[in-house]
Amino acid sequence: MIDDSNATYPADPAPSGDGSGRLPRDPCLSVFDRWRCGLAEGHGGPHESVLGGSVTRWNDGITGRRLKDL
């Protein structure tokens, strides 16, 4: 088990899911563990964070939760 209680994470949202690397004008505020949704506020479907070559998706039910608590 990894203790990440003292970990720091970037405060800026991840780039938008379209691969452009630009943030949406009104970003979604959903956060799951260390991932922040990079899609525009009000988007449909799951939340999405794209960092490098990795994509993480989650639904509203786990927004605000930590991975290790699931």
PDB file of N, CA and C in Angstrom:
ATOM      1  N   MET A   1       0.836  -1.174   0.000  1.00  0.00           N
ATOM      2  CA  MET A   1       0.000   0.000   0.000  1.00  0.00           C
ATOM      3  C   MET A   1       0.886   1.244   0.000  1.00  0.00           C
ATOM      4  N   ILE A   2       0.507   2.206  -0.763  1.00  0.00           N
ATOM      5  CA  ILE A   2       1.249   3.459  -0.859  1.00  0.00           C
ATOM      6  C   ILE A   2       0.539   4.523  -0.043  1.00  0.00           C
ATOM      7  N   ASP A   3       1.285   5.181   0.828  1.00  0.00           N
ATOM      8  CA  ASP A   3       0.715   6.271   1.617  1.00  0.00           C
ATOM      9  C   ASP A   3       0.919   7.574   0.854  1.00  0.00           C
ATOM     10  N   ASP A   4      -0.159   8.112   0.311  1.00  0.00           N
ATOM     11  CA  ASP A   4      -0.063   9.360  -0.450  1.00  0.00           C
ATOM     12  C   ASP A   4      -0.695  10.517   0.302  1.00  0.00           C
ATOM     13  N   SER A   5      -0.816  10.388   1.626  1.00  0.00           N
ATOM     14  CA  SER A   5      -1.465  11.432   2.408  1.00  0.00           C
ATOM     15  C   SER A   5      -0.708  12.754   2.380  1.00  0.00           C
ATOM     16  N   ASN A   6       0.585  12.727   2.110  1.00  0.00           N
ATOM     17  CA  ASN A   6       1.379  13.955   2.030  1.00  0.00           C
ATOM     18  C   ASN A   6       1.714  14.339   0.588  1.00  0.00           C
ATOM     19  N   ALA A   7       1.131  13.624  -0.357  1.00  0.00           N
ATOM     20  CA  ALA A   7       1.422  13.892  -1.768  1.00  0.00           C
ATOM     21  C   ALA A   7       0.821  15.225  -2.193  1.00  0.00           C
ATOM     22  N   THR A   8       1.468  15.873  -3.126  1.00  0.00           N
ATOM     23  CA  THR A   8       0.919  17.102  -3.702  1.00  0.00           C
ATOM     24  C   THR A   8       0.615  16.842  -5.163  1.00  0.00           C
ATOM     25  N   TYR A   9      -0.436  17.433  -5.628  1.00  0.00           N
ATOM     26  CA  TYR A   9      -0.876  17.246  -7.005  1.00  0.00           C
ATOM     27  C   TYR A   9      -1.033  18.599  -7.660  1.00  0.00           C
ATOM     28  N   PRO A  10      -0.859  18.650  -8.983  1.00  0.00           N
ATOM     29  CA  PRO A  10      -1.003  19.931  -9.675  1.00  0.00           C
ATOM     30  C   PRO A  10      -2.403  20.500  -9.492  1.00  0.00           C
ATOM     31  N   ALA A  11      -2.489  21.788  -9.317  1.00  0.00           N
ATOM     32  CA  ALA A  11      -3.779  22.445  -9.110  1.00  0.00           C
ATOM     33  C   ALA A  11      -4.506  22.709 -10.422  1.00  0.00           C
ATOM     34  N   ASP A  12      -3.805  22.714 -11.518  1.00  0.00           N
ATOM     35  CA  ASP A  12      -4.418  23.021 -12.808  1.00  0.00           C
ATOM     36  C   ASP A  12      -5.122  21.812 -13.379  1.00  0.00           C
ATOM     37  N   PRO A  13      -6.259  22.012 -14.043  1.00  0.00           N
ATOM     38  CA  PRO A  13      -6.950  20.898 -14.675  1.00  0.00           C
ATOM     39  C   PRO A  13      -6.107  20.276 -15.776  1.00  0.00           C
ATOM     40  N   ALA A  14      -6.395  19.014 -16.051  1.00  0.00           N
ATOM     41  CA  ALA A  14      -5.715  18.307 -17.133  1.00  0.00           C
ATOM     42  C   ALA A  14      -6.164  18.889 -18.470  1.00  0.00           C
ATOM     43  N   PRO A  15      -5.367  18.708 -19.521  1.00  0.00           N
ATOM     44  CA  PRO A  15      -5.786  19.176 -20.846  1.00  0.00           C
ATOM     45  C   PRO A  15      -7.095  18.525 -21.266  1.00  0.00           C
ATOM     46  N   SER A  16      -7.819  19.176 -22.150  1.00  0.00           N
ATOM     47  CA  SER A  16      -9.099  18.638 -22.606  1.00  0.00           C
ATOM     48  C   SER A  16      -8.887  17.291 -23.285  1.00  0.00           C
ATOM     49  N   GLY A  17      -9.923  16.454 -23.266  1.00  0.00           N
ATOM     50  CA  GLY A  17      -9.839  15.102 -23.793  1.00  0.00           C
ATOM     51  C   GLY A  17      -9.698  15.005 -25.288  1.00  0.00           C
ATOM     52  N   ASP A  18      -9.708  16.120 -26.010  1.00  0.00           N
ATOM     53  CA  ASP A  18      -9.615  16.042 -27.464  1.00  0.00           C
ATOM     54  C   ASP A  18      -8.174  15.976 -27.954  1.00  0.00           C
ATOM     55  N   GLY A  19      -7.201  15.926 -27.036  1.00  0.00           N
ATOM     56  CA  GLY A  19      -5.805  15.810 -27.427  1.00  0.00           C
ATOM     57  C   GLY A  19      -5.163  17.116 -27.842  1.00  0.00           C
ATOM     58  N   SER A  20      -5.888  18.223 -27.760  1.00  0.00           N
ATOM     59  CA  SER A  20      -5.342  19.491 -28.215  1.00  0.00           C
ATOM     60  C   SER A  20      -4.383  20.097 -27.202  1.00  0.00           C
ATOM     61  N   GLY A  21      -4.452  19.651 -25.935  1.00  0.00           N
ATOM     62  CA  GLY A  21      -3.586  20.214 -24.904  1.00  0.00           C
ATOM     63  C   GLY A  21      -4.089  21.547 -24.366  1.00  0.00           C
ATOM     64  N   ARG A  22      -5.225  22.019 -24.862  1.00  0.00           N
ATOM     65  CA  ARG A  22      -5.792  23.274 -24.369  1.00  0.00           C
ATOM     66  C   ARG A  22      -6.907  22.986 -23.379  1.00  0.00           C
ATOM     67  N   LEU A  23      -7.049  23.854 -22.388  1.00  0.00           N
ATOM     68  CA  LEU A  23      -8.115  23.702 -21.412  1.00  0.00           C
ATOM     69  C   LEU A  23      -9.406  24.288 -21.956  1.00  0.00           C
ATOM     70  N   PRO A  24     -10.556  23.678 -21.595  1.00  0.00           N
ATOM     71  CA  PRO A  24     -11.828  24.272 -22.015  1.00  0.00           C
ATOM     72  C   PRO A  24     -12.036  25.605 -21.312  1.00  0.00           C
ATOM     73  N   ARG A  25     -12.832  26.454 -21.908  1.00  0.00           N
ATOM     74  CA  ARG A  25     -13.095  27.783 -21.336  1.00  0.00           C
ATOM     75  C   ARG A  25     -13.722  27.675 -19.946  1.00  0.00           C
ATOM     76  N   ASP A  26     -14.697  26.796 -19.766  1.00  0.00           N
ATOM     77  CA  ASP A  26     -15.338  26.549 -18.470  1.00  0.00           C
ATOM     78  C   ASP A  26     -15.110  25.087 -18.114  1.00  0.00           C
ATOM     79  N   PRO A  27     -14.014  24.770 -17.417  1.00  0.00           N
ATOM     80  CA  PRO A  27     -13.679  23.369 -17.150  1.00  0.00           C
ATOM     81  C   PRO A  27     -14.619  22.716 -16.134  1.00  0.00           C
ATOM     82  N   CYS A  28     -14.823  21.432 -16.301  1.00  0.00           N
ATOM     83  CA  CYS A  28     -15.581  20.635 -15.351  1.00  0.00           C
ATOM     84  C   CYS A  28     -14.803  20.604 -14.033  1.00  0.00           C
ATOM     85  N   LEU A  29     -15.477  20.635 -12.910  1.00  0.00           N
ATOM     86  CA  LEU A  29     -14.826  20.679 -11.609  1.00  0.00           C
ATOM     87  C   LEU A  29     -14.724  19.311 -10.936  1.00  0.00           C
ATOM     88  N   SER A  30     -15.108  18.245 -11.630  1.00  0.00           N
ATOM     89  CA  SER A  30     -15.070  16.911 -11.041  1.00  0.00           C
ATOM     90  C   SER A  30     -13.633  16.446 -10.828  1.00  0.00           C
ATOM     91  N   VAL A  31     -13.385  15.886  -9.643  1.00  0.00           N
ATOM     92  CA  VAL A  31     -12.068  15.342  -9.299  1.00  0.00           C
ATOM     93  C   VAL A  31     -12.273  13.945  -8.724  1.00  0.00           C
ATOM     94  N   PHE A  32     -11.434  12.997  -9.156  1.00  0.00           N
ATOM     95  CA  PHE A  32     -11.418  11.651  -8.595  1.00  0.00           C
ATOM     96  C   PHE A  32      -9.975  11.340  -8.239  1.00  0.00           C
ATOM     97  N   ASP A  33      -9.708  11.129  -6.950  1.00  0.00           N
ATOM     98  CA  ASP A  33      -8.372  10.878  -6.450  1.00  0.00           C
ATOM     99  C   ASP A  33      -7.455  12.003  -6.909  1.00  0.00           C
ATOM    100  N   ARG A  34      -6.475  11.715  -7.734  1.00  0.00           N
ATOM    101  CA  ARG A  34      -5.537  12.754  -8.184  1.00  0.00           C
ATOM    102  C   ARG A  34      -5.861  13.275  -9.585  1.00  0.00           C
ATOM    103  N   TRP A  35      -6.946  12.819 -10.166  1.00  0.00           N
ATOM    104  CA  TRP A  35      -7.307  13.217 -11.523  1.00  0.00           C
ATOM    105  C   TRP A  35      -8.387  14.285 -11.510  1.00  0.00           C
ATOM    106  N   ARG A  36      -8.238  15.274 -12.364  1.00  0.00           N
ATOM    107  CA  ARG A  36      -9.243  16.324 -12.536  1.00  0.00           C
ATOM    108  C   ARG A  36      -9.774  16.226 -13.961  1.00  0.00           C
ATOM    109  N   CYS A  37     -11.078  16.312 -14.104  1.00  0.00           N
ATOM    110  CA  CYS A  37     -11.694  16.206 -15.426  1.00  0.00           C
ATOM    111  C   CYS A  37     -11.212  17.353 -16.312  1.00  0.00           C
ATOM    112  N   GLY A  38     -10.804  17.024 -17.517  1.00  0.00           N
ATOM    113  CA  GLY A  38     -10.319  18.021 -18.455  1.00  0.00           C
ATOM    114  C   GLY A  38     -11.348  18.424 -19.492  1.00  0.00           C
ATOM    115  N   LEU A  39     -12.576  17.950 -19.336  1.00  0.00           N
ATOM    116  CA  LEU A  39     -13.629  18.296 -20.284  1.00  0.00           C
ATOM    117  C   LEU A  39     -14.334  19.579 -19.852  1.00  0.00           C
ATOM    118  N   ALA A  40     -15.155  20.113 -20.725  1.00  0.00           N
ATOM    119  CA  ALA A  40     -15.893  21.339 -20.423  1.00  0.00           C
ATOM    120  C   ALA A  40     -17.019  21.057 -19.437  1.00  0.00           C
ATOM    121  N   GLU A  41     -17.334  22.041 -18.602  1.00  0.00           N
ATOM    122  CA  GLU A  41     -18.439  21.907 -17.649  1.00  0.00           C
ATOM    123  C   GLU A  41     -19.720  21.619 -18.404  1.00  0.00           C
ATOM    124  N   GLY A  42     -20.525  20.709 -17.863  1.00  0.00           N
ATOM    125  CA  GLY A  42     -21.791  20.351 -18.490  1.00  0.00           C
ATOM    126  C   GLY A  42     -21.662  19.282 -19.559  1.00  0.00           C
ATOM    127  N   HIS A  43     -20.477  18.705 -19.713  1.00  0.00           N
ATOM    128  CA  HIS A  43     -20.292  17.666 -20.737  1.00  0.00           C
ATOM    129  C   HIS A  43     -21.168  16.461 -20.427  1.00  0.00           C
ATOM    130  N   GLY A  44     -21.436  15.660 -21.422  1.00  0.00           N
ATOM    131  CA  GLY A  44     -22.195  14.434 -21.235  1.00  0.00           C
ATOM    132  C   GLY A  44     -21.258  13.259 -21.057  1.00  0.00           C
ATOM    133  N   GLY A  45     -21.756  12.195 -20.466  1.00  0.00           N
ATOM    134  CA  GLY A  45     -20.969  10.979 -20.293  1.00  0.00           C
ATOM    135  C   GLY A  45     -19.995  11.062 -19.138  1.00  0.00           C
ATOM    136  N   PRO A  46     -19.035  10.119 -19.109  1.00  0.00           N
ATOM    137  CA  PRO A  46     -18.102  10.072 -17.983  1.00  0.00           C
ATOM    138  C   PRO A  46     -17.117  11.237 -17.987  1.00  0.00           C
ATOM    139  N   HIS A  47     -16.561  11.500 -16.818  1.00  0.00           N
ATOM    140  CA  HIS A  47     -15.498  12.492 -16.687  1.00  0.00           C
ATOM    141  C   HIS A  47     -14.223  11.861 -17.236  1.00  0.00           C
ATOM    142  N   GLU A  48     -13.271  12.694 -17.666  1.00  0.00           N
ATOM    143  CA  GLU A  48     -12.066  12.165 -18.309  1.00  0.00           C
ATOM    144  C   GLU A  48     -10.858  13.043 -18.024  1.00  0.00           C
ATOM    145  N   SER A  49      -9.750  12.383 -17.708  1.00  0.00           N
ATOM    146  CA  SER A  49      -8.479  13.067 -17.533  1.00  0.00           C
ATOM    147  C   SER A  49      -7.470  12.413 -18.459  1.00  0.00           C
ATOM    148  N   VAL A  50      -6.782  13.220 -19.261  1.00  0.00           N
ATOM    149  CA  VAL A  50      -5.768  12.716 -20.177  1.00  0.00           C
ATOM    150  C   VAL A  50      -4.428  13.303 -19.759  1.00  0.00           C
ATOM    151  N   LEU A  51      -3.512  12.445 -19.328  1.00  0.00           N
ATOM    152  CA  LEU A  51      -2.176  12.867 -18.932  1.00  0.00           C
ATOM    153  C   LEU A  51      -1.165  12.012 -19.662  1.00  0.00           C
ATOM    154  N   GLY A  52      -0.379  12.635 -20.530  1.00  0.00           N
ATOM    155  CA  GLY A  52       0.563  11.866 -21.340  1.00  0.00           C
ATOM    156  C   GLY A  52      -0.198  10.899 -22.227  1.00  0.00           C
ATOM    157  N   GLY A  53       0.135   9.636 -22.147  1.00  0.00           N
ATOM    158  CA  GLY A  53      -0.558   8.620 -22.936  1.00  0.00           C
ATOM    159  C   GLY A  53      -1.623   7.880 -22.150  1.00  0.00           C
ATOM    160  N   SER A  54      -1.936   8.337 -20.924  1.00  0.00           N
ATOM    161  CA  SER A  54      -2.902   7.653 -20.069  1.00  0.00           C
ATOM    162  C   SER A  54      -4.225   8.407 -20.019  1.00  0.00           C
ATOM    163  N   VAL A  55      -5.315   7.649 -20.062  1.00  0.00           N
ATOM    164  CA  VAL A  55      -6.647   8.218 -19.961  1.00  0.00           C
ATOM    165  C   VAL A  55      -7.347   7.579 -18.769  1.00  0.00           C
ATOM    166  N   THR A  56      -7.922   8.393 -17.910  1.00  0.00           N
ATOM    167  CA  THR A  56      -8.696   7.909 -16.765  1.00  0.00           C
ATOM    168  C   THR A  56     -10.108   8.450 -16.905  1.00  0.00           C
ATOM    169  N   ARG A  57     -11.095   7.562 -16.758  1.00  0.00           N
ATOM    170  CA  ARG A  57     -12.495   7.972 -16.850  1.00  0.00           C
ATOM    171  C   ARG A  57     -13.228   7.534 -15.581  1.00  0.00           C
ATOM    172  N   TRP A  58     -14.184   8.351 -15.139  1.00  0.00           N
ATOM    173  CA  TRP A  58     -14.989   8.007 -13.970  1.00  0.00           C
ATOM    174  C   TRP A  58     -16.357   8.634 -14.096  1.00  0.00           C
ATOM    175  N   ASN A  59     -17.309   8.128 -13.297  1.00  0.00           N
ATOM    176  CA  ASN A  59     -18.675   8.660 -13.326  1.00  0.00           C
ATOM    177  C   ASN A  59     -18.914   9.548 -12.113  1.00  0.00           C
ATOM    178  N   ASP A  60     -20.077  10.171 -12.070  1.00  0.00           N
ATOM    179  CA  ASP A  60     -20.406  11.090 -10.975  1.00  0.00           C
ATOM    180  C   ASP A  60     -20.409  10.408  -9.619  1.00  0.00           C
ATOM    181  N   GLY A  61     -20.669   9.100  -9.582  1.00  0.00           N
ATOM    182  CA  GLY A  61     -20.759   8.385  -8.322  1.00  0.00           C
ATOM    183  C   GLY A  61     -19.473   8.354  -7.520  1.00  0.00           C
ATOM    184  N   ILE A  62     -18.325   8.513  -8.169  1.00  0.00           N
ATOM    185  CA  ILE A  62     -17.070   8.484  -7.427  1.00  0.00           C
ATOM    186  C   ILE A  62     -16.363   9.838  -7.416  1.00  0.00           C
ATOM    187  N   THR A  63     -17.013  10.850  -7.924  1.00  0.00           N
ATOM    188  CA  THR A  63     -16.442  12.198  -7.873  1.00  0.00           C
ATOM    189  C   THR A  63     -16.180  12.590  -6.418  1.00  0.00           C
ATOM    190  N   GLY A  64     -15.004  13.124  -6.165  1.00  0.00           N
ATOM    191  CA  GLY A  64     -14.630  13.558  -4.830  1.00  0.00           C
ATOM    192  C   GLY A  64     -14.085  12.457  -3.945  1.00  0.00           C
ATOM    193  N   ARG A  65     -14.003  11.227  -4.445  1.00  0.00           N
ATOM    194  CA  ARG A  65     -13.516  10.105  -3.647  1.00  0.00           C
ATOM    195  C   ARG A  65     -12.071   9.780  -3.995  1.00  0.00           C
ATOM    196  N   ARG A  66     -11.457   8.962  -3.171  1.00  0.00           N
ATOM    197  CA  ARG A  66     -10.077   8.527  -3.391  1.00  0.00           C
ATOM    198  C   ARG A  66     -10.085   7.080  -3.828  1.00  0.00           C
ATOM    199  N   LEU A  67      -9.187   6.722  -4.720  1.00  0.00           N
ATOM    200  CA  LEU A  67      -9.104   5.376  -5.264  1.00  0.00           C
ATOM    201  C   LEU A  67      -8.944   4.341  -4.160  1.00  0.00           C
ATOM    202  N   LYS A  68      -8.093   4.610  -3.186  1.00  0.00           N
ATOM    203  CA  LYS A  68      -7.839   3.610  -2.138  1.00  0.00           C
ATOM    204  C   LYS A  68      -9.033   3.406  -1.221  1.00  0.00           C
ATOM    205  N   ASP A  69     -10.018   4.301  -1.265  1.00  0.00           N
ATOM    206  CA  ASP A  69     -11.206   4.155  -0.422  1.00  0.00           C
ATOM    207  C   ASP A  69     -12.315   3.347  -1.085  1.00  0.00           C
ATOM    208  N   LEU A  70     -12.126   2.984  -2.342  1.00  0.00           N
ATOM    209  CA  LEU A  70     -13.176   2.219  -3.050  1.00  0.00           C
ATOM    210  C   LEU A  70     -13.061   0.743  -2.783  1.00  0.00           C
TER     211      LEU A  70
END
